[in-house]
């Protein structure tokens, strides 16, 4: 018997289906065409991602008055992403954050990474995943817009061992969440730390300092650093320090305190040891912006999060919303700890053949009166 679908059923399907992903050209890099993909949900949340470095170029969510605003710093030209050294919105790898003296030992062999941060390696070396062109595929479902990016990092790239096969999926959830799912496999033992480096300002890009944002981090400890911002290996209690955000604090309330760690970081630029890593049923970090009522909750299965207050933004880069100025954005990079390959007491960042690295981070947005 021939099956038919009623007009009512078709209408119901169209109402429940997520809006389609839109693609447009975004210039070229390394002789390859670059695309820009826009993902939306029915509520109006909109996320734009480029295949150059997998960067989130725009993320629009409503405020308490239902007015949409872009809450990340981004550029409208691929050339700006090529020029910047500040990782705006980018996928970070192979190793997010810093590796001390740009080297590590694995299974008795020493590996050297190109130096690009003083004497250290930062975010994967001189040409990290943020400077690579990723392959893209629309794998949306009727319920959600989903973009999949893929990159094969060859053995020896930036000094890291193993052919690393990486897939990253971005999903715009119905309830205004951006889910980022990372997967990777290798054919040789290697180290891996993947994250996203979006700069957030919940009042909107170009709206001024983030120091009035209120931050809560469910972390009883953090990892103090030396003068090169490399962890000392100590896991220190936040109690009694400006790093205690357990009950929530306005970011600017203690950022200029006379504290050695704040002096070394020129503000906050530190890894927090999350209390409940792996628990995606409760948020690990919450950010609240009082004027717009926007709230961002961060869920992750990673053991740490790097909280950074844009201390090195100096206004020299012009993007959407104007110049990117000192402390006008914050980053919350979910991660394994910085320099983990050189600290046996830190959670291991080693990935071996036959294993699959899998990690999920969700940035979820809502509003409060």
Foldseek 3Di string as FASTA:
>chain_A
DDDDDDPVRVVVLVVQFFDEKDKDWQQDDPPGTKIKIWWAGPLGWIWIFILQQRFTAFTWDAFPVRDIFTFWFHFSHVVLLVPDPQQARGKFDQAAAKAPLQWFDDPRDIWHFEDDQVSIAHRLHDCTSNRDGWDWDFPDDRNWTKIKTWDFDDACVRRWGWGKTKIWMWIQHNQGKTKIKIKIATAAKTFGKIWTWIWGDPVHAQPDAQQQKKKAAQFQWWFAADLSRAGPLDTGGCPPHPPHCHVIDRQNPPQPPPDPRSVSQVGFFTKGFFPDAQDQVAFRMKIADPPRQKIKTKGWNAGIWTKAQQQPQCQPRARVNGGGHGRRTITIIRIFHHNQSVHPPGPGRMHGHPDMDIIMMMIGMDGDD
